[in-house]
mmCIF file of all heavy atoms, coordinates in Angstrom:
data_MODEL
# 
_entry.id   MODEL 
# 
loop_
_atom_site.group_PDB 
_atom_site.id 
_atom_site.type_symbol 
_atom_site.label_atom_id 
_atom_site.label_alt_id 
_atom_site.label_comp_id 
_atom_site.label_asym_id 
_atom_site.label_entity_id 
_atom_site.label_seq_id 
_atom_site.pdbx_PDB_ins_code 
_atom_site.Cartn_x 
_atom_site.Cartn_y 
_atom_site.Cartn_z 
_atom_site.occupancy 
_atom_site.B_iso_or_equiv 
_atom_site.pdbx_formal_charge 
_atom_site.auth_seq_id 
_atom_site.auth_comp_id 
_atom_site.auth_asym_id 
_atom_site.auth_atom_id 
_atom_site.pdbx_PDB_model_num 
ATOM 1   N N   . ARG A 1 1  ? -17.099 -37.797 12.192  1.00 0.00 ? 1  ARG A N   1 
ATOM 2   C CA  . ARG A 1 1  ? -15.740 -38.071 11.725  1.00 0.00 ? 1  ARG A CA  1 
ATOM 3   C C   . ARG A 1 1  ? -15.618 -39.512 11.229  1.00 0.00 ? 1  ARG A C   1 
ATOM 4   O O   . ARG A 1 1  ? -14.957 -39.777 10.217  1.00 0.00 ? 1  ARG A O   1 
ATOM 5   C CB  . ARG A 1 1  ? -14.745 -37.823 12.860  1.00 0.00 ? 1  ARG A CB  1 
ATOM 6   C CG  . ARG A 1 1  ? -13.294 -38.018 12.420  1.00 0.00 ? 1  ARG A CG  1 
ATOM 7   C CD  . ARG A 1 1  ? -12.316 -37.769 13.551  1.00 0.00 ? 1  ARG A CD  1 
ATOM 8   N NE  . ARG A 1 1  ? -12.467 -38.732 14.632  1.00 0.00 ? 1  ARG A NE  1 
ATOM 9   C CZ  . ARG A 1 1  ? -11.645 -38.812 15.667  1.00 0.00 ? 1  ARG A CZ  1 
ATOM 10  N NH1 . ARG A 1 1  ? -10.639 -37.963 15.781  1.00 0.00 ? 1  ARG A NH1 1 
ATOM 11  N NH2 . ARG A 1 1  ? -11.837 -39.710 16.611  1.00 0.00 ? 1  ARG A NH2 1 
ATOM 12  N N   . LYS A 1 2  ? -16.255 -40.430 11.948  1.00 0.00 ? 2  LYS A N   1 
ATOM 13  C CA  . LYS A 1 2  ? -16.217 -41.829 11.522  1.00 0.00 ? 2  LYS A CA  1 
ATOM 14  C C   . LYS A 1 2  ? -16.842 -41.984 10.142  1.00 0.00 ? 2  LYS A C   1 
ATOM 15  O O   . LYS A 1 2  ? -16.283 -42.644 9.260   1.00 0.00 ? 2  LYS A O   1 
ATOM 16  C CB  . LYS A 1 2  ? -16.953 -42.696 12.544  1.00 0.00 ? 2  LYS A CB  1 
ATOM 17  C CG  . LYS A 1 2  ? -16.958 -44.181 12.206  1.00 0.00 ? 2  LYS A CG  1 
ATOM 18  C CD  . LYS A 1 2  ? -17.711 -44.978 13.258  1.00 0.00 ? 2  LYS A CD  1 
ATOM 19  C CE  . LYS A 1 2  ? -17.750 -46.453 12.906  1.00 0.00 ? 2  LYS A CE  1 
ATOM 20  N NZ  . LYS A 1 2  ? -18.506 -47.248 13.913  1.00 0.00 ? 2  LYS A NZ  1 
ATOM 21  N N   . ASP A 1 3  ? -18.016 -41.346 9.952   1.00 0.00 ? 3  ASP A N   1 
ATOM 22  C CA  . ASP A 1 3  ? -18.678 -41.406 8.650   1.00 0.00 ? 3  ASP A CA  1 
ATOM 23  C C   . ASP A 1 3  ? -17.814 -40.757 7.575   1.00 0.00 ? 3  ASP A C   1 
ATOM 24  O O   . ASP A 1 3  ? -17.711 -41.265 6.445   1.00 0.00 ? 3  ASP A O   1 
ATOM 25  C CB  . ASP A 1 3  ? -20.039 -40.712 8.709   1.00 0.00 ? 3  ASP A CB  1 
ATOM 26  C CG  . ASP A 1 3  ? -21.023 -41.437 9.615   1.00 0.00 ? 3  ASP A CG  1 
ATOM 27  O OD1 . ASP A 1 3  ? -20.778 -42.625 9.917   1.00 0.00 ? 3  ASP A OD1 1 
ATOM 28  O OD2 . ASP A 1 3  ? -22.021 -40.817 10.026  1.00 0.00 ? 3  ASP A OD2 1 
ATOM 29  N N   . ALA A 1 4  ? -17.184 -39.612 7.935   1.00 0.00 ? 4  ALA A N   1 
ATOM 30  C CA  . ALA A 1 4  ? -16.334 -38.910 6.961   1.00 0.00 ? 4  ALA A CA  1 
ATOM 31  C C   . ALA A 1 4  ? -15.130 -39.764 6.583   1.00 0.00 ? 4  ALA A C   1 
ATOM 32  O O   . ALA A 1 4  ? -14.706 -39.780 5.417   1.00 0.00 ? 4  ALA A O   1 
ATOM 33  C CB  . ALA A 1 4  ? -15.884 -37.564 7.536   1.00 0.00 ? 4  ALA A CB  1 
ATOM 34  N N   . ARG A 1 5  ? -14.579 -40.477 7.564   1.00 0.00 ? 5  ARG A N   1 
ATOM 35  C CA  . ARG A 1 5  ? -13.448 -41.361 7.273   1.00 0.00 ? 5  ARG A CA  1 
ATOM 36  C C   . ARG A 1 5  ? -13.858 -42.474 6.320   1.00 0.00 ? 5  ARG A C   1 
ATOM 37  O O   . ARG A 1 5  ? -13.120 -42.841 5.404   1.00 0.00 ? 5  ARG A O   1 
ATOM 38  C CB  . ARG A 1 5  ? -12.911 -41.963 8.568   1.00 0.00 ? 5  ARG A CB  1 
ATOM 39  C CG  . ARG A 1 5  ? -11.978 -41.038 9.326   1.00 0.00 ? 5  ARG A CG  1 
ATOM 40  C CD  . ARG A 1 5  ? -11.474 -41.690 10.603  1.00 0.00 ? 5  ARG A CD  1 
ATOM 41  N NE  . ARG A 1 5  ? -10.474 -40.880 11.262  1.00 0.00 ? 5  ARG A NE  1 
ATOM 42  C CZ  . ARG A 1 5  ? -9.996  -41.114 12.468  1.00 0.00 ? 5  ARG A CZ  1 
ATOM 43  N NH1 . ARG A 1 5  ? -10.467 -42.149 13.157  1.00 0.00 ? 5  ARG A NH1 1 
ATOM 44  N NH2 . ARG A 1 5  ? -9.079  -40.339 13.003  1.00 0.00 ? 5  ARG A NH2 1 
ATOM 45  N N   . VAL A 1 6  ? -15.044 -43.030 6.572   1.00 0.00 ? 6  VAL A N   1 
ATOM 46  C CA  . VAL A 1 6  ? -15.537 -44.101 5.700   1.00 0.00 ? 6  VAL A CA  1 
ATOM 47  C C   . VAL A 1 6  ? -15.705 -43.584 4.280   1.00 0.00 ? 6  VAL A C   1 
ATOM 48  O O   . VAL A 1 6  ? -15.270 -44.224 3.306   1.00 0.00 ? 6  VAL A O   1 
ATOM 49  C CB  . VAL A 1 6  ? -16.872 -44.660 6.245   1.00 0.00 ? 6  VAL A CB  1 
ATOM 50  C CG1 . VAL A 1 6  ? -17.510 -45.600 5.222   1.00 0.00 ? 6  VAL A CG1 1 
ATOM 51  C CG2 . VAL A 1 6  ? -16.655 -45.375 7.564   1.00 0.00 ? 6  VAL A CG2 1 
ATOM 52  N N   . GLU A 1 7  ? -16.332 -42.400 4.144   1.00 0.00 ? 7  GLU A N   1 
ATOM 53  C CA  . GLU A 1 7  ? -16.546 -41.821 2.813   1.00 0.00 ? 7  GLU A CA  1 
ATOM 54  C C   . GLU A 1 7  ? -15.217 -41.489 2.151   1.00 0.00 ? 7  GLU A C   1 
ATOM 55  O O   . GLU A 1 7  ? -15.036 -41.708 0.943   1.00 0.00 ? 7  GLU A O   1 
ATOM 56  C CB  . GLU A 1 7  ? -17.418 -40.573 2.921   1.00 0.00 ? 7  GLU A CB  1 
ATOM 57  C CG  . GLU A 1 7  ? -18.850 -40.845 3.321   1.00 0.00 ? 7  GLU A CG  1 
ATOM 58  C CD  . GLU A 1 7  ? -19.542 -41.796 2.365   1.00 0.00 ? 7  GLU A CD  1 
ATOM 59  O OE1 . GLU A 1 7  ? -19.389 -41.620 1.133   1.00 0.00 ? 7  GLU A OE1 1 
ATOM 60  O OE2 . GLU A 1 7  ? -20.217 -42.732 2.838   1.00 0.00 ? 7  GLU A OE2 1 
ATOM 61  N N   . ALA A 1 8  ? -14.275 -40.922 2.932   1.00 0.00 ? 8  ALA A N   1 
ATOM 62  C CA  . ALA A 1 8  ? -12.964 -40.582 2.368   1.00 0.00 ? 8  ALA A CA  1 
ATOM 63  C C   . ALA A 1 8  ? -12.235 -41.836 1.906   1.00 0.00 ? 8  ALA A C   1 
ATOM 64  O O   . ALA A 1 8  ? -11.580 -41.842 0.850   1.00 0.00 ? 8  ALA A O   1 
ATOM 65  C CB  . ALA A 1 8  ? -12.134 -39.821 3.396   1.00 0.00 ? 8  ALA A CB  1 
ATOM 66  N N   . GLU A 1 9  ? -12.336 -42.907 2.680   1.00 0.00 ? 9  GLU A N   1 
ATOM 67  C CA  . GLU A 1 9  ? -11.668 -44.152 2.302   1.00 0.00 ? 9  GLU A CA  1 
ATOM 68  C C   . GLU A 1 9  ? -12.305 -44.749 1.054   1.00 0.00 ? 9  GLU A C   1 
ATOM 69  O O   . GLU A 1 9  ? -11.591 -45.267 0.170   1.00 0.00 ? 9  GLU A O   1 
ATOM 70  C CB  . GLU A 1 9  ? -11.723 -45.151 3.460   1.00 0.00 ? 9  GLU A CB  1 
ATOM 71  C CG  . GLU A 1 9  ? -10.988 -46.455 3.200   1.00 0.00 ? 9  GLU A CG  1 
ATOM 72  C CD  . GLU A 1 9  ? -9.515  -46.260 2.896   1.00 0.00 ? 9  GLU A CD  1 
ATOM 73  O OE1 . GLU A 1 9  ? -8.929  -45.249 3.337   1.00 0.00 ? 9  GLU A OE1 1 
ATOM 74  O OE2 . GLU A 1 9  ? -8.937  -47.131 2.206   1.00 0.00 ? 9  GLU A OE2 1 
ATOM 75  N N   . LYS A 1 10 ? -13.640 -44.665 0.966   1.00 0.00 ? 10 LYS A N   1 
ATOM 76  C CA  . LYS A 1 10 ? -14.317 -45.157 -0.245  1.00 0.00 ? 10 LYS A CA  1 
ATOM 77  C C   . LYS A 1 10 ? -13.839 -44.377 -1.463  1.00 0.00 ? 10 LYS A C   1 
ATOM 78  O O   . LYS A 1 10 ? -13.518 -44.958 -2.510  1.00 0.00 ? 10 LYS A O   1 
ATOM 79  C CB  . LYS A 1 10 ? -15.835 -45.008 -0.094  1.00 0.00 ? 10 LYS A CB  1 
ATOM 80  C CG  . LYS A 1 10 ? -16.488 -46.018 0.829   1.00 0.00 ? 10 LYS A CG  1 
ATOM 81  C CD  . LYS A 1 10 ? -17.995 -45.777 0.878   1.00 0.00 ? 10 LYS A CD  1 
ATOM 82  C CE  . LYS A 1 10 ? -18.686 -46.762 1.802   1.00 0.00 ? 10 LYS A CE  1 
ATOM 83  N NZ  . LYS A 1 10 ? -20.149 -46.494 1.887   1.00 0.00 ? 10 LYS A NZ  1 
ATOM 84  N N   . ALA A 1 11 ? -13.823 -43.046 -1.336  1.00 0.00 ? 11 ALA A N   1 
ATOM 85  C CA  . ALA A 1 11 ? -13.388 -42.211 -2.449  1.00 0.00 ? 11 ALA A CA  1 
ATOM 86  C C   . ALA A 1 11 ? -11.923 -42.470 -2.775  1.00 0.00 ? 11 ALA A C   1 
ATOM 87  O O   . ALA A 1 11 ? -11.518 -42.489 -3.951  1.00 0.00 ? 11 ALA A O   1 
ATOM 88  C CB  . ALA A 1 11 ? -13.601 -40.734 -2.108  1.00 0.00 ? 11 ALA A CB  1 
ATOM 89  N N   . ARG A 1 12 ? -11.109 -42.667 -1.733  1.00 0.00 ? 12 ARG A N   1 
ATOM 90  C CA  . ARG A 1 12 ? -9.685  -42.934 -1.946  1.00 0.00 ? 12 ARG A CA  1 
ATOM 91  C C   . ARG A 1 12 ? -9.492  -44.240 -2.713  1.00 0.00 ? 12 ARG A C   1 
ATOM 92  O O   . ARG A 1 12 ? -8.688  -44.306 -3.660  1.00 0.00 ? 12 ARG A O   1 
ATOM 93  C CB  . ARG A 1 12 ? -8.977  -43.009 -0.603  1.00 0.00 ? 12 ARG A CB  1 
ATOM 94  C CG  . ARG A 1 12 ? -7.485  -43.278 -0.685  1.00 0.00 ? 12 ARG A CG  1 
ATOM 95  C CD  . ARG A 1 12 ? -6.865  -43.222 0.711   1.00 0.00 ? 12 ARG A CD  1 
ATOM 96  N NE  . ARG A 1 12 ? -5.456  -43.495 0.680   1.00 0.00 ? 12 ARG A NE  1 
ATOM 97  C CZ  . ARG A 1 12 ? -4.906  -44.705 0.734   1.00 0.00 ? 12 ARG A CZ  1 
ATOM 98  N NH1 . ARG A 1 12 ? -5.707  -45.766 0.845   1.00 0.00 ? 12 ARG A NH1 1 
ATOM 99  N NH2 . ARG A 1 12 ? -3.597  -44.864 0.695   1.00 0.00 ? 12 ARG A NH2 1 
ATOM 100 N N   . GLN A 1 13 ? -10.221 -45.283 -2.317  1.00 0.00 ? 13 GLN A N   1 
ATOM 101 C CA  . GLN A 1 13 ? -10.105 -46.567 -3.009  1.00 0.00 ? 13 GLN A CA  1 
ATOM 102 C C   . GLN A 1 13 ? -10.560 -46.450 -4.460  1.00 0.00 ? 13 GLN A C   1 
ATOM 103 O O   . GLN A 1 13 ? -9.945  -47.031 -5.366  1.00 0.00 ? 13 GLN A O   1 
ATOM 104 C CB  . GLN A 1 13 ? -10.920 -47.639 -2.277  1.00 0.00 ? 13 GLN A CB  1 
ATOM 105 C CG  . GLN A 1 13 ? -10.375 -48.009 -0.911  1.00 0.00 ? 13 GLN A CG  1 
ATOM 106 C CD  . GLN A 1 13 ? -8.952  -48.525 -0.957  1.00 0.00 ? 13 GLN A CD  1 
ATOM 107 O OE1 . GLN A 1 13 ? -8.558  -49.196 -1.911  1.00 0.00 ? 13 GLN A OE1 1 
ATOM 108 N NE2 . GLN A 1 13 ? -8.164  -48.187 0.060   1.00 0.00 ? 13 GLN A NE2 1 
ATOM 109 N N   . ALA A 1 14 ? -11.627 -45.663 -4.675  1.00 0.00 ? 14 ALA A N   1 
ATOM 110 C CA  . ALA A 1 14 ? -12.107 -45.457 -6.045  1.00 0.00 ? 14 ALA A CA  1 
ATOM 111 C C   . ALA A 1 14 ? -11.051 -44.721 -6.865  1.00 0.00 ? 14 ALA A C   1 
ATOM 112 O O   . ALA A 1 14 ? -10.803 -45.058 -8.038  1.00 0.00 ? 14 ALA A O   1 
ATOM 113 C CB  . ALA A 1 14 ? -13.416 -44.669 -6.029  1.00 0.00 ? 14 ALA A CB  1 
ATOM 114 N N   . ASP A 1 15 ? -10.411 -43.711 -6.253  1.00 0.00 ? 15 ASP A N   1 
ATOM 115 C CA  . ASP A 1 15 ? -9.370  -42.967 -6.968  1.00 0.00 ? 15 ASP A CA  1 
ATOM 116 C C   . ASP A 1 15 ? -8.173  -43.862 -7.273  1.00 0.00 ? 15 ASP A C   1 
ATOM 117 O O   . ASP A 1 15 ? -7.591  -43.791 -8.362  1.00 0.00 ? 15 ASP A O   1 
ATOM 118 C CB  . ASP A 1 15 ? -8.918  -41.776 -6.129  1.00 0.00 ? 15 ASP A CB  1 
ATOM 119 C CG  . ASP A 1 15 ? -9.841  -40.573 -6.310  1.00 0.00 ? 15 ASP A CG  1 
ATOM 120 O OD1 . ASP A 1 15 ? -10.959 -40.779 -6.814  1.00 0.00 ? 15 ASP A OD1 1 
ATOM 121 O OD2 . ASP A 1 15 ? -9.441  -39.456 -5.948  1.00 0.00 ? 15 ASP A OD2 1 
ATOM 122 N N   . LEU A 1 16 ? -7.790  -44.683 -6.284  1.00 0.00 ? 16 LEU A N   1 
ATOM 123 C CA  . LEU A 1 16 ? -6.656  -45.572 -6.508  1.00 0.00 ? 16 LEU A CA  1 
ATOM 124 C C   . LEU A 1 16 ? -6.934  -46.544 -7.647  1.00 0.00 ? 16 LEU A C   1 
ATOM 125 O O   . LEU A 1 16 ? -6.042  -46.841 -8.457  1.00 0.00 ? 16 LEU A O   1 
ATOM 126 C CB  . LEU A 1 16 ? -6.337  -46.341 -5.218  1.00 0.00 ? 16 LEU A CB  1 
ATOM 127 C CG  . LEU A 1 16 ? -5.686  -45.519 -4.106  1.00 0.00 ? 16 LEU A CG  1 
ATOM 128 C CD1 . LEU A 1 16 ? -5.572  -46.349 -2.835  1.00 0.00 ? 16 LEU A CD1 1 
ATOM 129 C CD2 . LEU A 1 16 ? -4.314  -45.023 -4.530  1.00 0.00 ? 16 LEU A CD2 1 
ATOM 130 N N   . ALA A 1 17 ? -8.169  -47.002 -7.720  1.00 0.00 ? 17 ALA A N   1 
ATOM 131 C CA  . ALA A 1 17 ? -8.539  -47.905 -8.818  1.00 0.00 ? 17 ALA A CA  1 
ATOM 132 C C   . ALA A 1 17 ? -8.422  -47.177 -10.156 1.00 0.00 ? 17 ALA A C   1 
ATOM 133 O O   . ALA A 1 17 ? -7.934  -47.740 -11.151 1.00 0.00 ? 17 ALA A O   1 
ATOM 134 C CB  . ALA A 1 17 ? -9.958  -48.422 -8.613  1.00 0.00 ? 17 ALA A CB  1 
ATOM 135 N N   . THR A 1 18 ? -8.860  -45.910 -10.158 1.00 0.00 ? 18 THR A N   1 
ATOM 136 C CA  . THR A 1 18 ? -8.756  -45.119 -11.393 1.00 0.00 ? 18 THR A CA  1 
ATOM 137 C C   . THR A 1 18 ? -7.294  -44.892 -11.759 1.00 0.00 ? 18 THR A C   1 
ATOM 138 O O   . THR A 1 18 ? -6.907  -45.004 -12.926 1.00 0.00 ? 18 THR A O   1 
ATOM 139 C CB  . THR A 1 18 ? -9.471  -43.768 -11.221 1.00 0.00 ? 18 THR A CB  1 
ATOM 140 O OG1 . THR A 1 18 ? -10.847 -44.002 -10.949 1.00 0.00 ? 18 THR A OG1 1 
ATOM 141 C CG2 . THR A 1 18 ? -9.342  -42.922 -12.474 1.00 0.00 ? 18 THR A CG2 1 
ATOM 142 N N   . LEU A 1 19 ? -6.464  -44.564 -10.757 1.00 0.00 ? 19 LEU A N   1 
ATOM 143 C CA  . LEU A 1 19 ? -5.045  -44.328 -11.023 1.00 0.00 ? 19 LEU A CA  1 
ATOM 144 C C   . LEU A 1 19 ? -4.357  -45.599 -11.526 1.00 0.00 ? 19 LEU A C   1 
ATOM 145 O O   . LEU A 1 19 ? -3.486  -45.542 -12.402 1.00 0.00 ? 19 LEU A O   1 
ATOM 146 C CB  . LEU A 1 19 ? -4.363  -43.818 -9.759  1.00 0.00 ? 19 LEU A CB  1 
ATOM 147 C CG  . LEU A 1 19 ? -4.728  -42.391 -9.341  1.00 0.00 ? 19 LEU A CG  1 
ATOM 148 C CD1 . LEU A 1 19 ? -4.106  -42.061 -7.998  1.00 0.00 ? 19 LEU A CD1 1 
ATOM 149 C CD2 . LEU A 1 19 ? -4.286  -41.388 -10.397 1.00 0.00 ? 19 LEU A CD2 1 
ATOM 150 N N   . GLN A 1 20 ? -4.755  -46.739 -10.973 1.00 0.00 ? 20 GLN A N   1 
ATOM 151 C CA  . GLN A 1 20 ? -4.176  -47.993 -11.448 1.00 0.00 ? 20 GLN A CA  1 
ATOM 152 C C   . GLN A 1 20 ? -4.557  -48.254 -12.903 1.00 0.00 ? 20 GLN A C   1 
ATOM 153 O O   . GLN A 1 20 ? -3.756  -48.780 -13.681 1.00 0.00 ? 20 GLN A O   1 
ATOM 154 C CB  . GLN A 1 20 ? -4.631  -49.149 -10.559 1.00 0.00 ? 20 GLN A CB  1 
ATOM 155 C CG  . GLN A 1 20 ? -3.996  -49.123 -9.168  1.00 0.00 ? 20 GLN A CG  1 
ATOM 156 C CD  . GLN A 1 20 ? -4.601  -50.150 -8.235  1.00 0.00 ? 20 GLN A CD  1 
ATOM 157 O OE1 . GLN A 1 20 ? -5.550  -50.837 -8.600  1.00 0.00 ? 20 GLN A OE1 1 
ATOM 158 N NE2 . GLN A 1 20 ? -4.064  -50.249 -7.021  1.00 0.00 ? 20 GLN A NE2 1 
ATOM 159 N N   . SER A 1 21 ? -5.781  -47.865 -13.251 1.00 0.00 ? 21 SER A N   1 
ATOM 160 C CA  . SER A 1 21 ? -6.210  -48.063 -14.635 1.00 0.00 ? 21 SER A CA  1 
ATOM 161 C C   . SER A 1 21 ? -5.422  -47.178 -15.593 1.00 0.00 ? 21 SER A C   1 
ATOM 162 O O   . SER A 1 21 ? -5.291  -47.502 -16.789 1.00 0.00 ? 21 SER A O   1 
ATOM 163 C CB  . SER A 1 21 ? -7.708  -47.777 -14.771 1.00 0.00 ? 21 SER A CB  1 
ATOM 164 O OG  . SER A 1 21 ? -7.977  -46.389 -14.644 1.00 0.00 ? 21 SER A OG  1 
ATOM 165 N N   . LEU A 1 22 ? -4.882  -46.056 -15.054 1.00 0.00 ? 22 LEU A N   1 
ATOM 166 C CA  . LEU A 1 22 ? -4.086  -45.172 -15.912 1.00 0.00 ? 22 LEU A CA  1 
ATOM 167 C C   . LEU A 1 22 ? -2.813  -45.860 -16.392 1.00 0.00 ? 22 LEU A C   1 
ATOM 168 O O   . LEU A 1 22 ? -2.302  -45.540 -17.478 1.00 0.00 ? 22 LEU A O   1 
ATOM 169 C CB  . LEU A 1 22 ? -3.721  -43.887 -15.155 1.00 0.00 ? 22 LEU A CB  1 
ATOM 170 C CG  . LEU A 1 22 ? -4.868  -42.930 -14.845 1.00 0.00 ? 22 LEU A CG  1 
ATOM 171 C CD1 . LEU A 1 22 ? -4.339  -41.690 -14.136 1.00 0.00 ? 22 LEU A CD1 1 
ATOM 172 C CD2 . LEU A 1 22 ? -5.607  -42.525 -16.107 1.00 0.00 ? 22 LEU A CD2 1 
ATOM 173 N N   . GLU A 1 23 ? -2.276  -46.771 -15.591 1.00 0.00 ? 23 GLU A N   1 
ATOM 174 C CA  . GLU A 1 23 ? -1.087  -47.492 -16.013 1.00 0.00 ? 23 GLU A CA  1 
ATOM 175 C C   . GLU A 1 23 ? -1.369  -48.299 -17.280 1.00 0.00 ? 23 GLU A C   1 
ATOM 176 O O   . GLU A 1 23 ? -0.546  -48.322 -18.203 1.00 0.00 ? 23 GLU A O   1 
ATOM 177 C CB  . GLU A 1 23 ? -0.613  -48.403 -14.894 1.00 0.00 ? 23 GLU A CB  1 
ATOM 178 C CG  . GLU A 1 23 ? -0.167  -47.643 -13.634 1.00 0.00 ? 23 GLU A CG  1 
ATOM 179 C CD  . GLU A 1 23 ? 0.261   -48.574 -12.532 1.00 0.00 ? 23 GLU A CD  1 
ATOM 180 O OE1 . GLU A 1 23 ? 0.288   -49.810 -12.785 1.00 0.00 ? 23 GLU A OE1 1 
ATOM 181 O OE2 . GLU A 1 23 ? 0.563   -48.091 -11.431 1.00 0.00 ? 23 GLU A OE2 1 
ATOM 182 N N   . PHE A 1 24 ? -2.542  -48.952 -17.307 1.00 0.00 ? 24 PHE A N   1 
ATOM 183 C CA  . PHE A 1 24 ? -2.911  -49.697 -18.514 1.00 0.00 ? 24 PHE A CA  1 
ATOM 184 C C   . PHE A 1 24 ? -3.131  -48.738 -19.682 1.00 0.00 ? 24 PHE A C   1 
ATOM 185 O O   . PHE A 1 24 ? -2.776  -49.039 -20.820 1.00 0.00 ? 24 PHE A O   1 
ATOM 186 C CB  . PHE A 1 24 ? -4.182  -50.519 -18.252 1.00 0.00 ? 24 PHE A CB  1 
ATOM 187 C CG  . PHE A 1 24 ? -4.009  -51.557 -17.180 1.00 0.00 ? 24 PHE A CG  1 
ATOM 188 C CD1 . PHE A 1 24 ? -4.485  -51.339 -15.890 1.00 0.00 ? 24 PHE A CD1 1 
ATOM 189 C CD2 . PHE A 1 24 ? -3.372  -52.763 -17.453 1.00 0.00 ? 24 PHE A CD2 1 
ATOM 190 C CE1 . PHE A 1 24 ? -4.324  -52.292 -14.903 1.00 0.00 ? 24 PHE A CE1 1 
ATOM 191 C CE2 . PHE A 1 24 ? -3.217  -53.725 -16.467 1.00 0.00 ? 24 PHE A CE2 1 
ATOM 192 C CZ  . PHE A 1 24 ? -3.689  -53.491 -15.181 1.00 0.00 ? 24 PHE A CZ  1 
ATOM 193 N N   . GLU A 1 25 ? -3.687  -47.553 -19.369 1.00 0.00 ? 25 GLU A N   1 
ATOM 194 C CA  . GLU A 1 25 ? -3.920  -46.553 -20.406 1.00 0.00 ? 25 GLU A CA  1 
ATOM 195 C C   . GLU A 1 25 ? -2.594  -46.086 -20.999 1.00 0.00 ? 25 GLU A C   1 
ATOM 196 O O   . GLU A 1 25 ? -2.444  -45.957 -22.216 1.00 0.00 ? 25 GLU A O   1 
ATOM 197 C CB  . GLU A 1 25 ? -4.686  -45.372 -19.805 1.00 0.00 ? 25 GLU A CB  1 
ATOM 198 C CG  . GLU A 1 25 ? -5.073  -44.287 -20.777 1.00 0.00 ? 25 GLU A CG  1 
ATOM 199 C CD  . GLU A 1 25 ? -6.178  -44.697 -21.718 1.00 0.00 ? 25 GLU A CD  1 
ATOM 200 O OE1 . GLU A 1 25 ? -6.774  -45.780 -21.530 1.00 0.00 ? 25 GLU A OE1 1 
ATOM 201 O OE2 . GLU A 1 25 ? -6.433  -43.944 -22.665 1.00 0.00 ? 25 GLU A OE2 1 
ATOM 202 N N   . ARG A 1 26 ? -1.607  -45.833 -20.109 1.00 0.00 ? 26 ARG A N   1 
ATOM 203 C CA  . ARG A 1 26 ? -0.299  -45.386 -20.593 1.00 0.00 ? 26 ARG A CA  1 
ATOM 204 C C   . ARG A 1 26 ? 0.376   -46.479 -21.432 1.00 0.00 ? 26 ARG A C   1 
ATOM 205 O O   . ARG A 1 26 ? 0.993   -46.207 -22.467 1.00 0.00 ? 26 ARG A O   1 
ATOM 206 C CB  . ARG A 1 26 ? 0.589   -45.020 -19.412 1.00 0.00 ? 26 ARG A CB  1 
ATOM 207 C CG  . ARG A 1 26 ? 0.164   -43.753 -18.701 1.00 0.00 ? 26 ARG A CG  1 
ATOM 208 C CD  . ARG A 1 26 ? 0.890   -43.583 -17.397 1.00 0.00 ? 26 ARG A CD  1 
ATOM 209 N NE  . ARG A 1 26 ? 0.389   -42.432 -16.650 1.00 0.00 ? 26 ARG A NE  1 
ATOM 210 C CZ  . ARG A 1 26 ? 0.494   -42.292 -15.337 1.00 0.00 ? 26 ARG A CZ  1 
ATOM 211 N NH1 . ARG A 1 26 ? 1.072   -43.245 -14.618 1.00 0.00 ? 26 ARG A NH1 1 
ATOM 212 N NH2 . ARG A 1 26 ? 0.017   -41.220 -14.730 1.00 0.00 ? 26 ARG A NH2 1 
ATOM 213 N N   . ASP A 1 27 ? 0.251   -47.721 -20.955 1.00 0.00 ? 27 ASP A N   1 
ATOM 214 C CA  . ASP A 1 27 ? 0.846   -48.829 -21.706 1.00 0.00 ? 27 ASP A CA  1 
ATOM 215 C C   . ASP A 1 27 ? 0.194   -48.950 -23.084 1.00 0.00 ? 27 ASP A C   1 
ATOM 216 O O   . ASP A 1 27 ? 0.884   -49.229 -24.083 1.00 0.00 ? 27 ASP A O   1 
ATOM 217 C CB  . ASP A 1 27 ? 0.678   -50.145 -20.942 1.00 0.00 ? 27 ASP A CB  1 
ATOM 218 C CG  . ASP A 1 27 ? 1.515   -50.187 -19.672 1.00 0.00 ? 27 ASP A CG  1 
ATOM 219 O OD1 . ASP A 1 27 ? 2.449   -49.358 -19.556 1.00 0.00 ? 27 ASP A OD1 1 
ATOM 220 O OD2 . ASP A 1 27 ? 1.230   -51.031 -18.791 1.00 0.00 ? 27 ASP A OD2 1 
# 
């Protein structure tokens, strides 16, 4: 579970970075 949490958090941070980049794309 600890490893899964770490992987999920890594993926979540990567997704958030992608979503933030969408704001620049929309602009």
